[in-house]
C-alpha atoms as a PDB file:
ATOM      1  CA  MET A   1       0.304 -13.525 -30.542  1.00  0.00           C
ATOM      2  CA  VAL A   2       2.937 -14.667 -28.058  1.00  0.00           C
ATOM      3  CA  LEU A   3       5.772 -13.254 -30.145  1.00  0.00           C
ATOM      4  CA  LYS A   4       3.914  -9.959 -30.519  1.00  0.00           C
ATOM      5  CA  ASN A   5       3.488  -9.681 -26.747  1.00  0.00           C
ATOM      6  CA  LEU A   6       7.190 -10.351 -26.250  1.00  0.00           C
ATOM      7  CA  ARG A   7       8.031  -7.705 -28.830  1.00  0.00           C
ATOM      8  CA  ASP A   8       5.745  -5.234 -27.031  1.00  0.00           C
ATOM      9  CA  GLU A   9       7.419  -5.918 -23.693  1.00  0.00           C
ATOM     10  CA  ILE A  10      10.902  -5.454 -25.167  1.00  0.00           C
ATOM     11  CA  ASP A  11       9.829  -2.197 -26.814  1.00  0.00           C
ATOM     12  CA  THR A  12       8.355  -1.032 -23.490  1.00  0.00           C
ATOM     13  CA  VAL A  13      11.710  -1.479 -21.756  1.00  0.00           C
ATOM     14  CA  LEU A  14      13.504   0.375 -24.556  1.00  0.00           C
ATOM     15  CA  ARG A  15      10.979   3.205 -24.358  1.00  0.00           C
ATOM     16  CA  HIS A  16      11.058   3.662 -20.585  1.00  0.00           C
ATOM     17  CA  ASP A  17      14.702   2.948 -19.721  1.00  0.00           C
ATOM     18  CA  PRO A  18      17.367   5.077 -21.432  1.00  0.00           C
ATOM     19  CA  ALA A  19      20.008   2.653 -20.152  1.00  0.00           C
ATOM     20  CA  ALA A  20      18.678  -0.038 -22.506  1.00  0.00           C
ATOM     21  CA  ARG A  21      20.436   0.306 -25.852  1.00  0.00           C
ATOM     22  CA  SER A  22      19.238  -2.733 -27.801  1.00  0.00           C
ATOM     23  CA  SER A  23      16.666  -5.509 -27.840  1.00  0.00           C
ATOM     24  CA  LEU A  24      19.412  -8.058 -27.272  1.00  0.00           C
ATOM     25  CA  GLU A  25      20.480  -6.240 -24.108  1.00  0.00           C
ATOM     26  CA  VAL A  26      16.887  -6.355 -22.812  1.00  0.00           C
ATOM     27  CA  VAL A  27      16.550 -10.074 -23.543  1.00  0.00           C
ATOM     28  CA  LEU A  28      19.854 -10.954 -21.864  1.00  0.00           C
ATOM     29  CA  CYS A  29      20.174  -8.464 -19.026  1.00  0.00           C
ATOM     30  CA  TYR A  30      16.766  -7.340 -17.722  1.00  0.00           C
ATOM     31  CA  PRO A  31      15.325  -9.385 -14.820  1.00  0.00           C
ATOM     32  CA  GLY A  32      11.910  -7.736 -15.186  1.00  0.00           C
ATOM     33  CA  PHE A  33      11.641  -9.160 -18.706  1.00  0.00           C
ATOM     34  CA  HIS A  34      12.853 -12.572 -17.529  1.00  0.00           C
ATOM     35  CA  ALA A  35      10.319 -12.595 -14.684  1.00  0.00           C
ATOM     36  CA  LEU A  36       7.490 -12.000 -17.148  1.00  0.00           C
ATOM     37  CA  LEU A  37       8.677 -14.935 -19.273  1.00  0.00           C
ATOM     38  CA  PHE A  38       8.521 -17.224 -16.244  1.00  0.00           C
ATOM     39  CA  TYR A  39       5.148 -15.765 -15.266  1.00  0.00           C
ATOM     40  CA  ARG A  40       3.582 -16.274 -18.711  1.00  0.00           C
ATOM     41  CA  LEU A  41       4.538 -19.961 -18.674  1.00  0.00           C
ATOM     42  CA  ALA A  42       3.526 -20.458 -15.037  1.00  0.00           C
ATOM     43  CA  HIS A  43       0.189 -18.699 -15.603  1.00  0.00           C
ATOM     44  CA  TRP A  44      -0.518 -20.860 -18.668  1.00  0.00           C
ATOM     45  CA  LEU A  45       0.043 -23.995 -16.567  1.00  0.00           C
ATOM     46  CA  TRP A  46      -1.992 -22.595 -13.674  1.00  0.00           C
ATOM     47  CA  GLN A  47      -5.022 -21.918 -15.876  1.00  0.00           C
ATOM     48  CA  ARG A  48      -4.959 -25.519 -17.109  1.00  0.00           C
ATOM     49  CA  GLY A  49      -4.914 -27.029 -13.631  1.00  0.00           C
ATOM     50  CA  TRP A  50      -1.178 -27.743 -13.345  1.00  0.00           C
ATOM     51  CA  LEU A  51      -1.033 -25.865 -10.059  1.00  0.00           C
ATOM     52  CA  VAL A  52       2.077 -27.365  -8.495  1.00  0.00           C
ATOM     53  CA  LEU A  53       4.056 -27.201 -11.736  1.00  0.00           C
ATOM     54  CA  GLY A  54       2.934 -23.598 -12.217  1.00  0.00           C
ATOM     55  CA  ARG A  55       4.120 -22.725  -8.710  1.00  0.00           C
ATOM     56  CA  PHE A  56       7.422 -24.482  -9.345  1.00  0.00           C
ATOM     57  CA  ILE A  57       8.058 -22.503 -12.534  1.00  0.00           C
ATOM     58  CA  SER A  58       7.170 -19.354 -10.595  1.00  0.00           C
ATOM     59  CA  TYR A  59       9.621 -20.371  -7.872  1.00  0.00           C
ATOM     60  CA  LEU A  60      12.402 -20.833 -10.422  1.00  0.00           C
ATOM     61  CA  GLY A  61      11.674 -17.348 -11.741  1.00  0.00           C
ATOM     62  CA  ARG A  62      11.892 -15.937  -8.235  1.00  0.00           C
ATOM     63  CA  MET A  63      15.245 -17.636  -7.611  1.00  0.00           C
ATOM     64  CA  LEU A  64      16.743 -16.303 -10.840  1.00  0.00           C
ATOM     65  CA  THR A  65      15.299 -12.776 -10.864  1.00  0.00           C
ATOM     66  CA  GLY A  66      14.434 -11.846  -7.278  1.00  0.00           C
ATOM     67  CA  ILE A  67      10.901 -11.049  -8.478  1.00  0.00           C
ATOM     68  CA  GLU A  68       7.982 -13.071  -7.112  1.00  0.00           C
ATOM     69  CA  ILE A  69       4.856 -13.281  -9.258  1.00  0.00           C
ATOM     70  CA  HIS A  70       2.182 -15.771  -8.297  1.00  0.00           C
ATOM     71  CA  PRO A  71       0.996 -17.743 -11.349  1.00  0.00           C
ATOM     72  CA  GLY A  72      -2.622 -17.002 -10.406  1.00  0.00           C
ATOM     73  CA  ALA A  73      -2.172 -13.247 -10.856  1.00  0.00           C
ATOM     74  CA  ARG A  74      -3.615 -11.610 -13.974  1.00  0.00           C
ATOM     75  CA  ILE A  75      -1.231  -9.309 -15.836  1.00  0.00           C
ATOM     76  CA  GLY A  76      -1.991  -7.300 -18.953  1.00  0.00           C
ATOM     77  CA  ARG A  77       0.294  -6.162 -21.721  1.00  0.00           C
ATOM     78  CA  ARG A  78       3.477  -4.111 -21.577  1.00  0.00           C
ATOM     79  CA  LEU A  79       4.128  -4.380 -17.840  1.00  0.00           C
ATOM     80  CA  PHE A  80       7.471  -2.718 -17.071  1.00  0.00           C
ATOM     81  CA  ILE A  81       9.279  -3.901 -13.938  1.00  0.00           C
ATOM     82  CA  ASP A  82      12.322  -1.672 -13.527  1.00  0.00           C
ATOM     83  CA  HIS A  83      15.269  -3.142 -11.577  1.00  0.00           C
ATOM     84  CA  GLY A  84      12.731  -5.451  -9.975  1.00  0.00           C
ATOM     85  CA  VAL A  85      14.453  -7.003  -6.964  1.00  0.00           C
ATOM     86  CA  GLY A  86      11.944  -7.490  -4.166  1.00  0.00           C
ATOM     87  CA  VAL A  87       8.799  -7.035  -6.269  1.00  0.00           C
ATOM     88  CA  VAL A  88       5.962  -9.250  -5.004  1.00  0.00           C
ATOM     89  CA  ILE A  89       2.675  -9.760  -6.883  1.00  0.00           C
ATOM     90  CA  GLY A  90       0.061 -11.818  -5.059  1.00  0.00           C
ATOM     91  CA  GLU A  91      -2.262 -14.525  -6.306  1.00  0.00           C
ATOM     92  CA  THR A  92      -5.437 -12.477  -6.814  1.00  0.00           C
ATOM     93  CA  ALA A  93      -3.698  -9.319  -8.028  1.00  0.00           C
ATOM     94  CA  GLU A  94      -4.868  -7.927 -11.366  1.00  0.00           C
ATOM     95  CA  ILE A  95      -2.688  -5.594 -13.431  1.00  0.00           C
ATOM     96  CA  GLY A  96      -3.864  -3.740 -16.528  1.00  0.00           C
ATOM     97  CA  ASP A  97      -1.883  -2.571 -19.540  1.00  0.00           C
ATOM     98  CA  ASP A  98       1.117  -0.210 -19.523  1.00  0.00           C
ATOM     99  CA  VAL A  99       1.742  -0.411 -15.779  1.00  0.00           C
ATOM    100  CA  THR A 100       5.168   0.347 -14.289  1.00  0.00           C
ATOM    101  CA  LEU A 101       6.493  -1.159 -11.059  1.00  0.00           C
ATOM    102  CA  TYR A 102       9.819  -0.269  -9.484  1.00  0.00           C
ATOM    103  CA  GLN A 103      11.946  -2.362  -7.147  1.00  0.00           C
ATOM    104  CA  GLY A 104      10.524  -3.403  -3.805  1.00  0.00           C
ATOM    105  CA  VAL A 105       6.856  -2.951  -4.756  1.00  0.00           C
ATOM    106  CA  THR A 106       4.420  -5.274  -3.026  1.00  0.00           C
ATOM    107  CA  LEU A 107       0.909  -5.985  -4.269  1.00  0.00           C
ATOM    108  CA  GLY A 108      -0.199  -7.903  -1.217  1.00  0.00           C
ATOM    109  CA  GLY A 109      -3.215  -8.938   0.770  1.00  0.00           C
ATOM    110  CA  THR A 110      -4.048  -8.440   4.449  1.00  0.00           C
ATOM    111  CA  LYS A 111      -6.723 -11.144   4.660  1.00  0.00           C
ATOM    112  CA  LEU A 112      -6.234 -14.870   5.152  1.00  0.00           C
ATOM    113  CA  ASN A 113      -9.223 -16.029   3.097  1.00  0.00           C
ATOM    114  CA  ARG A 114      -8.928 -17.408  -0.430  1.00  0.00           C
ATOM    115  CA  GLY A 115     -11.087 -14.766  -2.076  1.00  0.00           C
ATOM    116  CA  LYS A 116     -10.074 -11.488  -3.704  1.00  0.00           C
ATOM    117  CA  ARG A 117      -7.449 -10.116  -1.324  1.00  0.00           C
ATOM    118  CA  HIS A 118      -4.887  -8.414  -3.582  1.00  0.00           C
ATOM    119  CA  PRO A 119      -5.253  -5.094  -5.399  1.00  0.00           C
ATOM    120  CA  THR A 120      -6.452  -4.403  -8.919  1.00  0.00           C
ATOM    121  CA  ILE A 121      -4.090  -2.026 -10.754  1.00  0.00           C
ATOM    122  CA  GLU A 122      -5.723  -0.374 -13.752  1.00  0.00           C
ATOM    123  CA  ASP A 123      -4.047   0.785 -16.975  1.00  0.00           C
ATOM    124  CA  GLY A 124      -1.180   3.257 -16.919  1.00  0.00           C
ATOM    125  CA  VAL A 125      -0.492   3.198 -13.163  1.00  0.00           C
ATOM    126  CA  ILE A 126       3.047   3.883 -11.916  1.00  0.00           C
ATOM    127  CA  ILE A 127       4.078   2.555  -8.490  1.00  0.00           C
ATOM    128  CA  GLY A 128       7.332   3.854  -7.022  1.00  0.00           C
ATOM    129  CA  ALA A 129      10.114   1.924  -5.339  1.00  0.00           C
ATOM    130  CA  GLY A 130       9.255   0.305  -2.030  1.00  0.00           C
ATOM    131  CA  ALA A 131       5.529   1.094  -2.169  1.00  0.00           C
ATOM    132  CA  LYS A 132       3.112  -1.385  -0.586  1.00  0.00           C
ATOM    133  CA  VAL A 133      -0.409  -1.701  -1.981  1.00  0.00           C
ATOM    134  CA  LEU A 134      -2.253  -3.969   0.420  1.00  0.00           C
ATOM    135  CA  GLY A 135      -5.850  -5.124   0.019  1.00  0.00           C
ATOM    136  CA  GLY A 136      -8.489  -6.114  -2.481  1.00  0.00           C
ATOM    137  CA  PHE A 137      -9.326  -2.600  -3.715  1.00  0.00           C
ATOM    138  CA  THR A 138      -8.699  -0.799  -7.018  1.00  0.00           C
ATOM    139  CA  VAL A 139      -5.992   1.680  -7.963  1.00  0.00           C
ATOM    140  CA  GLY A 140      -7.597   3.733 -10.730  1.00  0.00           C
ATOM    141  CA  ARG A 141      -6.353   4.301 -14.232  1.00  0.00           C
ATOM    142  CA  GLY A 142      -3.326   6.596 -14.513  1.00  0.00           C
ATOM    143  CA  ALA A 143      -2.764   6.874 -10.749  1.00  0.00           C
ATOM    144  CA  ARG A 144       0.702   7.570  -9.339  1.00  0.00           C
ATOM    145  CA  ILE A 145       1.936   6.038  -6.077  1.00  0.00           C
ATOM    146  CA  GLY A 146       5.146   7.489  -4.688  1.00  0.00           C
ATOM    147  CA  PRO A 147       8.109   5.604  -3.241  1.00  0.00           C
ATOM    148  CA  ASN A 148       7.572   3.863   0.118  1.00  0.00           C
ATOM    149  CA  ALA A 149       3.871   4.749   0.270  1.00  0.00           C
ATOM    150  CA  VAL A 150       1.608   2.299   2.092  1.00  0.00           C
ATOM    151  CA  VAL A 151      -1.767   2.199   0.360  1.00  0.00           C
ATOM    152  CA  ARG A 152      -4.674   0.550   2.186  1.00  0.00           C
ATOM    153  CA  ALA A 153      -7.658   2.113   0.403  1.00  0.00           C
ATOM    154  CA  GLU A 154      -8.936   2.726  -3.112  1.00  0.00           C
ATOM    155  CA  VAL A 155      -7.141   5.307  -5.256  1.00  0.00           C
ATOM    156  CA  PRO A 156      -9.300   7.191  -7.800  1.00  0.00           C
ATOM    157  CA  PRO A 157      -8.295   7.425 -11.471  1.00  0.00           C
ATOM    158  CA  GLY A 158      -5.455   9.908 -11.859  1.00  0.00           C
ATOM    159  CA  GLY A 159      -4.946  10.059  -8.077  1.00  0.00           C
ATOM    160  CA  ARG A 160      -1.619  10.790  -6.418  1.00  0.00           C
ATOM    161  CA  VAL A 161      -0.380   9.068  -3.259  1.00  0.00           C
ATOM    162  CA  ILE A 162       2.787  10.104  -1.453  1.00  0.00           C
ATOM    163  CA  ALA A 163       4.418   8.630   1.618  1.00  0.00           C
ATOM    164  CA  PRO A 164       4.216  10.684   4.827  1.00  0.00           C
ATOM    165  CA  ARG A 165       7.154  11.062   7.136  1.00  0.00           C
ATOM    166  CA  SER A 166       7.906   7.999   9.206  1.00  0.00           C
ATOM    167  CA  ILE A 167       6.489   8.120  12.715  1.00  0.00           C
ATOM    168  CA  THR A 168       7.175   6.144  15.880  1.00  0.00           C
ATOM    169  CA  LEU A 169       4.171   4.876  17.750  1.00  0.00           C
ATOM    170  CA  SER A 170       4.027   5.640  21.458  1.00  0.00           C
ATOM    171  CA  ARG A 171       4.314   2.790  23.914  1.00  0.00           C
ATOM    172  CA  GLU A 172       0.583   3.017  24.647  1.00  0.00           C
ATOM    173  CA  ALA A 173      -0.252   2.652  20.948  1.00  0.00           C
ATOM    174  CA  ARG A 174       1.665  -0.553  20.517  1.00  0.00           C
ATOM    175  CA  ALA A 175      -0.053  -3.906  20.598  1.00  0.00           C
ATOM    176  CA  PRO A 176      -0.183  -5.378  24.148  1.00  0.00           C
ATOM    177  CA  GLN A 177       2.339  -8.108  24.841  1.00  0.00           C
ATOM    178  CA  PRO A 178       0.988 -11.525  25.805  1.00  0.00           C
ATOM    179  CA  ASP A 179       1.180 -12.568  29.450  1.00  0.00           C
ATOM    180  CA  ALA A 180       4.290 -14.631  30.060  1.00  0.00           C
ATOM    181  CA  SER A 181       2.277 -17.015  32.255  1.00  0.00           C
ATOM    182  CA  THR A 182       0.045 -18.035  29.358  1.00  0.00           C
ATOM    183  CA  GLU A 183       0.755 -19.727  26.056  1.00  0.00           C
ATOM    184  CA  THR A 184      -1.428 -17.410  23.966  1.00  0.00           C
ATOM    185  CA  ARG A 185       0.384 -16.020  20.955  1.00  0.00           C
ATOM    186  CA  PRO A 186      -0.068 -12.497  19.603  1.00  0.00           C
ATOM    187  CA  GLU A 187      -2.410 -12.211  16.630  1.00  0.00           C
ATOM    188  CA  PHE A 188      -0.710 -12.669  13.271  1.00  0.00           C
ATOM    189  CA  VAL A 189      -1.101  -9.515  11.190  1.00  0.00           C
ATOM    190  CA  PRO A 190      -0.069  -9.864   7.510  1.00  0.00           C
ATOM    191  CA  TYR A 191       2.674  -7.437   6.410  1.00  0.00           C
ATOM    192  CA  GLY A 192       3.022  -6.144   9.972  1.00  0.00           C
ATOM    193  CA  THR A 193       0.294  -3.550   9.552  1.00  0.00           C
ATOM    194  CA  PRO A 194      -0.767  -2.247  12.986  1.00  0.00           C
ATOM    195  CA  GLY A 195      -4.417  -3.238  12.553  1.00  0.00           C
ATOM    196  CA  ASP A 196      -7.280  -2.102  10.376  1.00  0.00           C
ATOM    197  CA  GLU A 197      -6.323   1.548  10.889  1.00  0.00           C
ATOM    198  CA  ILE A 198      -2.857   2.924  10.208  1.00  0.00           C
ATOM    199  CA  PRO A 199      -2.095   5.954  12.438  1.00  0.00           C
ATOM    200  CA  ASP A 200      -2.319   9.183  10.460  1.00  0.00           C
ATOM    201  CA  PRO A 201       0.060  11.851  11.819  1.00  0.00           C
ATOM    202  CA  VAL A 202      -2.206  14.665  10.562  1.00  0.00           C
ATOM    203  CA  ALA A 203      -5.288  13.132  12.182  1.00  0.00           C
ATOM    204  CA  ARG A 204      -3.371  12.613  15.421  1.00  0.00           C
ATOM    205  CA  ALA A 205      -2.336  16.282  15.468  1.00  0.00           C
ATOM    206  CA  LEU A 206      -5.909  17.467  14.788  1.00  0.00           C
ATOM    207  CA  ASN A 207      -7.279  15.216  17.505  1.00  0.00           C
ATOM    208  CA  GLY A 208      -4.760  16.705  19.928  1.00  0.00           C
ATOM    209  CA  LEU A 209      -5.826  20.249  19.022  1.00  0.00           C
ATOM    210  CA  VAL A 210      -9.512  19.381  19.459  1.00  0.00           C
ATOM    211  CA  GLU A 211      -8.817  17.936  22.896  1.00  0.00           C
ATOM    212  CA  GLU A 212      -6.806  21.003  23.916  1.00  0.00           C
ATOM    213  CA  VAL A 213      -9.617  23.344  22.798  1.00  0.00           C
ATOM    214  CA  ARG A 214     -12.102  21.309  24.836  1.00  0.00           C
ATOM    215  CA  MET A 215      -9.933  21.645  27.952  1.00  0.00           C
ATOM    216  CA  LEU A 216      -9.474  25.386  27.417  1.00  0.00           C
ATOM    217  CA  ARG A 217     -13.236  25.910  27.069  1.00  0.00           C
ATOM    218  CA  GLY A 218     -13.803  24.069  30.312  1.00  0.00           C
ATOM    219  CA  ARG A 219     -11.240  26.252  32.066  1.00  0.00           C
ATOM    220  CA  VAL A 220     -12.808  29.442  30.686  1.00  0.00           C
ATOM    221  CA  GLN A 221     -16.211  28.372  32.015  1.00  0.00           C
ATOM    222  CA  GLU A 222     -14.720  27.766  35.468  1.00  0.00           C
ATOM    223  CA  LEU A 223     -13.118  31.218  35.505  1.00  0.00           C
ATOM    224  CA  GLU A 224     -16.367  32.853  34.395  1.00  0.00           C
ATOM    225  CA  GLN A 225     -18.224  31.162  37.244  1.00  0.00           C
ATOM    226  CA  GLN A 226     -15.604  32.326  39.766  1.00  0.00           C
ATOM    227  CA  LEU A 227     -15.717  35.947  38.556  1.00  0.00           C
ATOM    228  CA  ALA A 228     -19.503  36.140  38.274  1.00  0.00           C
ATOM    229  CA  PRO A 229     -20.204  37.056  41.993  1.00  0.00           C
ATOM    230  CA  GLU A 230     -17.493  39.744  42.016  1.00  0.00           C
ATOM    231  CA  THR A 231     -18.694  41.513  38.900  1.00  0.00           C
ATOM    232  CA  ALA A 232     -22.382  41.343  39.664  1.00  0.00           C
ATOM    233  CA  GLU A 233     -23.976  44.775  40.466  1.00  0.00           C
ATOM    234  CA  PRO A 234     -25.265  45.206  44.059  1.00  0.00           C
ATOM    235  CA  PRO A 235     -29.090  45.228  44.400  1.00  0.00           C
ATOM    236  CA  LEU A 236     -30.797  48.668  44.483  1.00  0.00           C
ATOM    237  CA  LYS A 237     -31.987  49.794  47.926  1.00  0.00           C
ATOM    238  CA  LYS A 238     -35.638  50.631  48.266  1.00  0.00           C
ATOM    239  CA  VAL A 239     -36.180  54.341  49.090  1.00  0.00           C
ATOM    240  CA  SER A 240     -39.057  54.979  51.440  1.00  0.00           C
ATOM    241  CA  GLY A 241     -41.309  57.892  50.748  1.00  0.00           C
END
């Protein structure tokens, strides 16, 4: 069974990467394949209660490959990690079969509890370079997440997520700085996310338009009230018989 899984993972690299020309090249030169070897051993130890040893094997894999996979994560068959440097897979992450991750992908959590805090990636998902999938939700089967996207909510099966243009928050939107006279520290926010809600540039633009329409309506009402006495018809005079 183990040898079959290794054969499947080698074949997956050969199928998805035209730069790979032989099985020997994959075994010797592909850090994504090496990282999975370290993970399989570390996960086996983790499941049997050898937690520290499992973490140590995982740490060795990280040092040698630049890919960090927690031994508690659950990974299916034929995972393809292309290039791989900077990939991070958290403890409670779950990955199905035939998933592809590119360099710099993070499957992280934004909570500090020990429960389910990392994403579940279903079969056939592709996550582009630099994408961050943060939270204990599900990315549905066959979904595609583009490079540098930040995903904080569930993605339906077959869904597509692309990264918007980068935006700079205004000074007012930034988190308040602590008073220098006190020793209170700013709240620690995992992965530097700006809170529970990430500013949406489209929503911000729509909110601005709604506010402008409200102001214009108020101004129109003022002008109508000012013009009302001037346009009113004079009262009819009573004609005496």
